[in-house]
Amino acid sequence: MRRLGCGILLIGLAVAAFIAFRFVYGWSEAGPAPKDITIVVPEGATLSDAAVLLKRAGALRSADAFVTRAKVFGGGRPIKAGEFLIPKAASNSDILTILQGGRTLTRLVTIPEGMPSILVYERLMANEELTGDIKVPAEGSVLPDSYAFDKGESRAAVLKRMQTAMDKLLAKLWAERAPNAVVKSPREAIILASIVEKETAIPKERPTVAGVYGNRLRANMMLQADPTIIYPITKGKPLGRRIRKSEIADVNDYNTYAMVGLPKGPIANPGRLSILAVLHPADTKALYFVADGKGGHIFADTYQQHNENVRKWFEIRRARGEL
């Protein structure tokens, strides 16, 4: 009997040791996930809630065992909400580290410089990982940039971040504007910056283009910016054809070939460099510019110089077979 009792005790100790070993080993052993898995932990979710989601996704063998081990080995830090990438065969320890560290998946929506608001709207509405409806944002209210978002986040929340970013940047740059800036308000700065943005894609040219327009505004000359003809026709989308003579002569609140001064509003969402160019324009006497045939522009102080530059531009276009 005594030997039997010792045998049973040894067996019990062995079983207990095995269970303890499995408990400890189960914390760091490779998990069952056959491939990388994404999981969304909602706001307010508990560790137990997350464990159930992980078990359903195939990242855990046991939700209860994960929670128990996490309470023993996990240090007591709370988990974060968001969308997480759980690597293939991630251990219990790896998974809890990911959830506690808040290393969420980065999803980006990019708004290029000069994108009009109608296209910002269409881009956000076309993103199937966002939710909810929005209206077309006010032109010039969105700061072009790449914005991170969480899967399932509302379009309204993402748009608000874009507009808040523009408000903050504009307030900062306006406070630091140069004395030779011609614009009289932040809104005027955005309007003129949107024209500069659409007139040249070459960053180093923007201060000079802004300087030209500043000179024309001071001289009470028409800005004569082609993009302002197109905006009331397409709301900033590509025209897809040449501008018609009737459109050049059309009188409206945007066409700067038929009015003196700035349009009534922006014609796109300008980027930081175009806003900077308007608030820190180049010190130039130029009043005119035309394409140089190489992707940039050539500037002129006088109408006579400008006509010669235009003649050269038409020669280039004829040589290319465009006329």
Protein backbone atom coordinates (compact mmCIF):
# COMPACT_ATOMS: atom_id res chain seq x y z
CA MET A 1 0.00 0.00 0.00
CA ARG A 2 2.81 2.32 0.88
CA ARG A 3 4.49 1.69 -2.47
CA LEU A 4 1.16 2.18 -4.24
CA GLY A 5 0.66 5.49 -2.46
CA CYS A 6 4.14 6.65 -3.43
CA GLY A 7 3.47 5.62 -7.01
CA ILE A 8 0.24 7.57 -7.13
CA LEU A 9 1.98 10.59 -5.61
CA LEU A 10 4.75 10.43 -8.19
CA ILE A 11 2.22 10.12 -10.98
CA GLY A 12 0.33 13.11 -9.59
CA LEU A 13 3.49 15.14 -9.37
CA ALA A 14 4.41 14.16 -12.91
CA VAL A 15 0.98 15.15 -14.17
CA ALA A 16 1.16 18.45 -12.30
CA ALA A 17 4.64 19.09 -13.67
CA PHE A 18 3.43 18.31 -17.18
CA ILE A 19 0.45 20.64 -16.80
CA ALA A 20 2.71 23.37 -15.44
CA PHE A 21 5.15 22.81 -18.28
CA ARG A 22 2.36 22.96 -20.84
CA PHE A 23 0.99 26.13 -19.24
CA VAL A 24 4.36 27.85 -19.39
CA TYR A 25 5.37 26.43 -22.77
CA GLY A 26 1.97 27.31 -24.24
CA TRP A 27 2.74 30.97 -23.64
CA SER A 28 5.66 31.02 -26.06
CA GLU A 29 5.05 28.09 -28.41
CA ALA A 30 4.11 28.71 -32.04
CA GLY A 31 0.41 29.41 -32.52
CA PRO A 32 -2.02 27.69 -34.91
CA ALA A 33 -2.40 30.53 -37.45
CA PRO A 34 -1.50 29.03 -40.87
CA LYS A 35 -0.96 32.51 -42.37
CA ASP A 36 -0.93 36.18 -41.40
CA ILE A 37 -4.29 37.24 -39.98
CA THR A 38 -5.86 40.67 -39.52
CA ILE A 39 -8.17 41.29 -36.60
CA VAL A 40 -10.14 44.36 -35.58
CA VAL A 41 -10.45 44.97 -31.83
CA PRO A 42 -13.28 47.46 -31.28
CA GLU A 43 -13.19 50.30 -28.79
CA GLY A 44 -14.06 49.10 -25.29
CA ALA A 45 -13.30 45.44 -26.02
CA THR A 46 -11.95 43.40 -23.09
CA LEU A 47 -9.13 40.89 -23.22
CA SER A 48 -11.73 38.12 -23.20
CA ASP A 49 -13.56 39.76 -26.12
CA ALA A 50 -10.32 39.94 -28.09
CA ALA A 51 -9.51 36.32 -27.24
CA VAL A 52 -12.83 35.17 -28.70
CA LEU A 53 -12.15 37.11 -31.90
CA LEU A 54 -8.64 35.64 -32.11
CA LYS A 55 -9.93 32.11 -31.58
CA ARG A 56 -12.52 32.55 -34.33
CA ALA A 57 -9.82 33.89 -36.67
CA GLY A 58 -7.65 30.83 -36.02
CA ALA A 59 -4.84 32.59 -34.12
CA LEU A 60 -5.49 30.79 -30.79
CA ARG A 61 -6.06 27.20 -29.77
CA SER A 62 -8.03 28.24 -26.69
CA ALA A 63 -9.48 31.64 -25.82
CA ASP A 64 -9.73 30.77 -22.12
CA ALA A 65 -6.14 29.51 -21.92
CA PHE A 66 -4.90 32.67 -23.65
CA VAL A 67 -6.72 34.91 -21.14
CA THR A 68 -5.40 32.90 -18.18
CA ARG A 69 -1.83 32.95 -19.43
CA ALA A 70 -2.09 36.66 -20.28
CA LYS A 71 -3.14 37.44 -16.70
CA VAL A 72 -0.16 35.50 -15.34
CA PHE A 73 2.55 36.54 -17.81
CA GLY A 74 1.16 39.67 -19.47
CA GLY A 75 2.10 42.33 -16.96
CA GLY A 76 -1.42 43.69 -16.56
CA ARG A 77 -1.21 46.36 -19.29
CA PRO A 78 -4.49 46.96 -21.15
CA ILE A 79 -4.95 46.06 -24.79
CA LYS A 80 -5.55 48.73 -27.46
CA ALA A 81 -8.34 49.06 -29.98
CA GLY A 82 -7.68 49.00 -33.71
CA GLU A 83 -6.83 46.71 -36.59
CA PHE A 84 -3.86 44.43 -35.97
CA LEU A 85 -1.76 42.11 -38.09
CA ILE A 86 -1.17 38.78 -36.35
CA PRO A 87 1.77 37.01 -38.05
CA LYS A 88 1.65 33.39 -39.07
CA ALA A 89 2.23 31.01 -36.09
CA ALA A 90 2.33 33.92 -33.61
CA SER A 91 2.58 32.72 -30.00
CA ASN A 92 0.27 33.81 -27.17
CA SER A 93 3.07 36.06 -25.96
CA ASP A 94 3.54 37.64 -29.41
CA ILE A 95 -0.17 38.27 -29.78
CA LEU A 96 -0.56 39.98 -26.41
CA THR A 97 2.51 42.17 -27.12
CA ILE A 98 0.91 43.26 -30.40
CA LEU A 99 -2.44 44.07 -28.75
CA GLN A 100 -0.86 45.92 -25.83
CA GLY A 101 1.59 47.85 -28.00
CA GLY A 102 -1.11 49.21 -30.25
CA ARG A 103 0.87 48.50 -33.42
CA THR A 104 -2.14 48.82 -35.66
CA LEU A 105 -2.10 48.31 -39.41
CA THR A 106 -1.43 51.52 -41.30
CA ARG A 107 -3.95 52.27 -44.01
CA LEU A 108 -3.46 55.44 -46.01
CA VAL A 109 -5.59 57.61 -48.25
CA THR A 110 -3.57 60.08 -50.30
CA ILE A 111 -4.78 63.45 -51.53
CA PRO A 112 -2.36 64.84 -54.15
CA GLU A 113 -1.54 68.54 -54.29
CA GLY A 114 -4.04 70.40 -56.44
CA MET A 115 -6.79 67.78 -56.25
CA PRO A 116 -10.20 69.50 -56.45
CA SER A 117 -12.75 68.75 -53.77
CA ILE A 118 -15.05 66.80 -56.08
CA LEU A 119 -12.22 64.29 -56.60
CA VAL A 120 -11.43 64.24 -52.87
CA TYR A 121 -15.07 63.32 -52.30
CA GLU A 122 -14.99 60.61 -54.96
CA ARG A 123 -11.75 59.15 -53.57
CA LEU A 124 -13.12 58.90 -50.04
CA MET A 125 -16.46 57.49 -51.18
CA ALA A 126 -14.71 54.86 -53.34
CA ASN A 127 -12.64 53.57 -50.41
CA GLU A 128 -14.53 50.47 -49.27
CA GLU A 129 -12.66 50.30 -45.96
CA LEU A 130 -14.28 53.55 -44.81
CA THR A 131 -17.88 53.95 -43.71
CA GLY A 132 -20.66 56.52 -43.84
CA ASP A 133 -21.49 59.34 -46.23
CA ILE A 134 -19.99 62.80 -46.64
CA LYS A 135 -20.76 65.86 -48.73
CA VAL A 136 -18.32 67.37 -51.19
CA PRO A 137 -15.98 69.40 -48.95
CA ALA A 138 -15.56 73.13 -49.46
CA GLU A 139 -12.98 73.82 -52.14
CA GLY A 140 -9.59 74.61 -50.65
CA SER A 141 -10.47 73.25 -47.21
CA VAL A 142 -8.46 70.00 -47.47
CA LEU A 143 -4.68 69.82 -47.00
CA PRO A 144 -3.14 67.47 -49.58
CA ASP A 145 -1.20 64.72 -47.80
CA SER A 146 -1.37 61.02 -46.92
CA TYR A 147 -3.69 60.27 -44.00
CA ALA A 148 -3.75 57.10 -41.90
CA PHE A 149 -7.10 55.57 -41.04
CA ASP A 150 -8.51 52.47 -39.38
CA LYS A 151 -10.63 49.95 -41.21
CA GLY A 152 -14.29 50.79 -40.61
CA GLU A 153 -13.54 54.40 -39.64
CA SER A 154 -16.04 56.98 -40.85
CA ARG A 155 -15.32 59.08 -43.92
CA ALA A 156 -16.46 62.11 -41.97
CA ALA A 157 -13.73 61.54 -39.35
CA VAL A 158 -11.02 61.21 -42.00
CA LEU A 159 -12.25 64.30 -43.84
CA LYS A 160 -12.28 66.26 -40.59
CA ARG A 161 -8.58 65.39 -40.04
CA MET A 162 -7.79 66.64 -43.54
CA GLN A 163 -9.59 69.93 -42.94
CA THR A 164 -8.16 70.41 -39.45
CA ALA A 165 -4.68 69.91 -40.91
CA MET A 166 -5.35 72.67 -43.45
CA ASP A 167 -6.70 75.03 -40.78
CA LYS A 168 -3.64 74.53 -38.58
CA LEU A 169 -1.13 74.88 -41.42
CA LEU A 170 -2.80 77.97 -42.86
CA ALA A 171 -2.93 79.68 -39.45
CA LYS A 172 0.77 79.00 -38.92
CA LEU A 173 1.90 80.10 -42.38
CA TRP A 174 -0.33 83.18 -42.36
CA ALA A 175 1.24 84.35 -39.11
CA GLU A 176 4.69 84.00 -40.72
CA ARG A 177 3.83 85.66 -44.08
CA ALA A 178 6.29 88.01 -45.76
CA PRO A 179 5.62 91.77 -46.09
CA ASN A 180 5.46 91.53 -49.89
CA ALA A 181 2.54 89.07 -49.88
CA VAL A 182 -0.29 90.65 -51.87
CA VAL A 183 -3.15 88.66 -50.31
CA LYS A 184 -5.12 90.35 -47.54
CA SER A 185 -6.61 87.34 -45.73
CA PRO A 186 -6.04 83.59 -45.26
CA ARG A 187 -8.93 82.91 -47.64
CA GLU A 188 -7.32 85.04 -50.35
CA ALA A 189 -4.10 83.12 -49.74
CA ILE A 190 -5.86 79.80 -50.41
CA ILE A 191 -7.57 81.18 -53.53
CA LEU A 192 -4.34 82.44 -55.07
CA ALA A 193 -2.40 79.36 -53.94
CA SER A 194 -4.92 77.13 -55.70
CA ILE A 195 -4.26 79.01 -58.96
CA VAL A 196 -0.48 78.79 -58.49
CA GLU A 197 -0.88 75.06 -57.78
CA LYS A 198 -2.73 74.45 -61.03
CA GLU A 199 -0.43 76.64 -63.14
CA THR A 200 2.86 74.84 -62.43
CA ALA A 201 3.91 71.45 -61.14
CA ILE A 202 7.51 72.61 -60.65
CA PRO A 203 8.05 73.59 -56.99
CA LYS A 204 10.90 76.03 -57.65
CA GLU A 205 8.68 78.02 -60.08
CA ARG A 206 5.85 78.58 -57.64
CA PRO A 207 7.26 81.65 -55.82
CA THR A 208 7.86 83.33 -59.21
CA VAL A 209 4.38 82.45 -60.48
CA ALA A 210 2.98 83.84 -57.23
CA GLY A 211 5.12 86.96 -57.74
CA VAL A 212 3.73 87.44 -61.25
CA TYR A 213 0.16 87.22 -60.02
CA GLY A 214 0.93 89.56 -57.15
CA ASN A 215 2.31 92.11 -59.63
CA ARG A 216 -0.76 91.79 -61.84
CA LEU A 217 -3.12 92.24 -58.88
CA ARG A 218 -1.27 95.39 -57.79
CA ALA A 219 -1.40 96.74 -61.34
CA ASN A 220 -5.14 96.03 -61.58
CA MET A 221 -4.51 93.61 -64.44
CA MET A 222 -6.49 90.46 -65.15
CA LEU A 223 -4.77 87.32 -63.86
CA GLN A 224 -5.67 85.43 -67.06
CA ALA A 225 -5.10 81.99 -65.53
CA ASP A 226 -6.38 79.17 -67.76
CA PRO A 227 -7.38 76.88 -64.84
CA THR A 228 -9.93 79.50 -63.73
CA ILE A 229 -11.70 79.07 -67.07
CA ILE A 230 -11.95 75.32 -66.59
CA TYR A 231 -13.10 75.25 -62.95
CA PRO A 232 -16.72 76.45 -63.42
CA ILE A 233 -17.09 73.97 -66.30
CA THR A 234 -15.80 70.82 -64.60
CA LYS A 235 -15.41 71.77 -60.90
CA GLY A 236 -11.71 71.11 -61.35
CA LYS A 237 -11.80 67.81 -63.20
CA PRO A 238 -9.71 67.60 -66.39
CA LEU A 239 -11.41 69.30 -69.32
CA GLY A 240 -10.18 66.70 -71.79
CA ARG A 241 -10.08 69.13 -74.72
CA ARG A 242 -8.89 72.59 -75.67
CA ILE A 243 -10.56 75.60 -74.10
CA ARG A 244 -13.08 77.21 -76.47
CA LYS A 245 -13.07 80.90 -77.35
CA SER A 246 -16.57 81.21 -75.93
CA GLU A 247 -15.33 79.82 -72.61
CA ILE A 248 -12.45 82.31 -72.51
CA ALA A 249 -14.98 85.13 -72.89
CA ASP A 250 -17.50 83.65 -70.46
CA VAL A 251 -18.31 85.99 -67.58
CA ASN A 252 -18.65 84.24 -64.22
CA ASP A 253 -17.23 84.36 -60.70
CA TYR A 254 -14.10 82.37 -61.59
CA ASN A 255 -12.91 83.23 -65.11
CA THR A 256 -9.94 85.57 -64.66
CA TYR A 257 -9.90 86.31 -68.41
CA ALA A 258 -13.16 88.19 -67.93
CA MET A 259 -12.60 89.85 -64.56
CA VAL A 260 -10.01 91.76 -62.57
CA GLY A 261 -8.92 90.37 -59.19
CA LEU A 262 -9.24 86.98 -57.59
CA PRO A 263 -12.02 84.45 -58.26
CA LYS A 264 -14.73 84.16 -55.63
CA GLY A 265 -13.18 80.96 -54.25
CA PRO A 266 -10.38 78.41 -54.63
CA ILE A 267 -10.24 76.20 -57.71
CA ALA A 268 -8.45 73.27 -55.99
CA ASN A 269 -6.90 72.18 -52.72
CA PRO A 270 -3.40 73.68 -52.76
CA GLY A 271 -0.43 72.05 -51.07
CA ARG A 272 1.94 73.53 -48.54
CA LEU A 273 4.51 74.72 -51.11
CA SER A 274 1.94 76.68 -53.11
CA ILE A 275 0.61 78.36 -49.97
CA LEU A 276 4.18 79.20 -48.96
CA ALA A 277 4.83 80.62 -52.43
CA VAL A 278 1.86 82.98 -52.15
CA LEU A 279 2.83 84.10 -48.64
CA HIS A 280 6.53 84.41 -49.59
CA PRO A 281 6.46 85.38 -53.29
CA ALA A 282 9.61 85.93 -55.30
CA ASP A 283 10.81 89.50 -55.67
CA THR A 284 10.26 89.82 -59.42
CA LYS A 285 9.13 92.42 -61.95
CA ALA A 286 7.68 89.78 -64.26
CA LEU A 287 4.09 90.22 -65.40
CA TYR A 288 3.84 87.32 -67.86
CA PHE A 289 4.79 83.69 -68.32
CA VAL A 290 4.29 81.01 -70.93
CA ALA A 291 5.30 77.37 -71.31
CA ASP A 292 8.91 76.78 -72.34
CA GLY A 293 8.32 73.43 -74.01
CA LYS A 294 10.33 71.54 -71.37
CA GLY A 295 7.68 71.25 -68.67
CA GLY A 296 8.36 74.65 -67.12
CA HIS A 297 7.74 78.30 -67.94
CA ILE A 298 9.62 81.33 -69.20
CA PHE A 299 8.88 84.69 -67.55
CA ALA A 300 8.82 88.19 -68.99
CA ASP A 301 8.71 91.71 -67.57
CA THR A 302 7.20 93.34 -70.67
CA TYR A 303 4.46 92.50 -73.12
CA GLN A 304 6.96 92.69 -75.99
CA GLN A 305 9.19 90.07 -74.33
CA HIS A 306 6.15 87.94 -73.62
CA ASN A 307 5.01 88.01 -77.26
CA GLU A 308 8.42 86.80 -78.35
CA ASN A 309 8.25 83.96 -75.81
CA VAL A 310 4.76 83.05 -77.03
CA ARG A 311 6.05 82.98 -80.63
CA LYS A 312 8.77 80.53 -79.62
CA TRP A 313 6.22 78.38 -77.79
CA PHE A 314 4.01 78.19 -80.88
CA GLU A 315 7.04 77.20 -82.97
CA ILE A 316 7.69 74.33 -80.55
CA ARG A 317 4.07 73.20 -80.75
CA ARG A 318 4.09 73.34 -84.57
CA ALA A 319 7.27 71.26 -84.64
CA ARG A 320 5.53 68.71 -82.43
CA GLY A 321 2.51 68.61 -84.75
CA GLU A 322 0.20 70.04 -82.08
CA LEU A 323 -0.97 72.94 -84.30
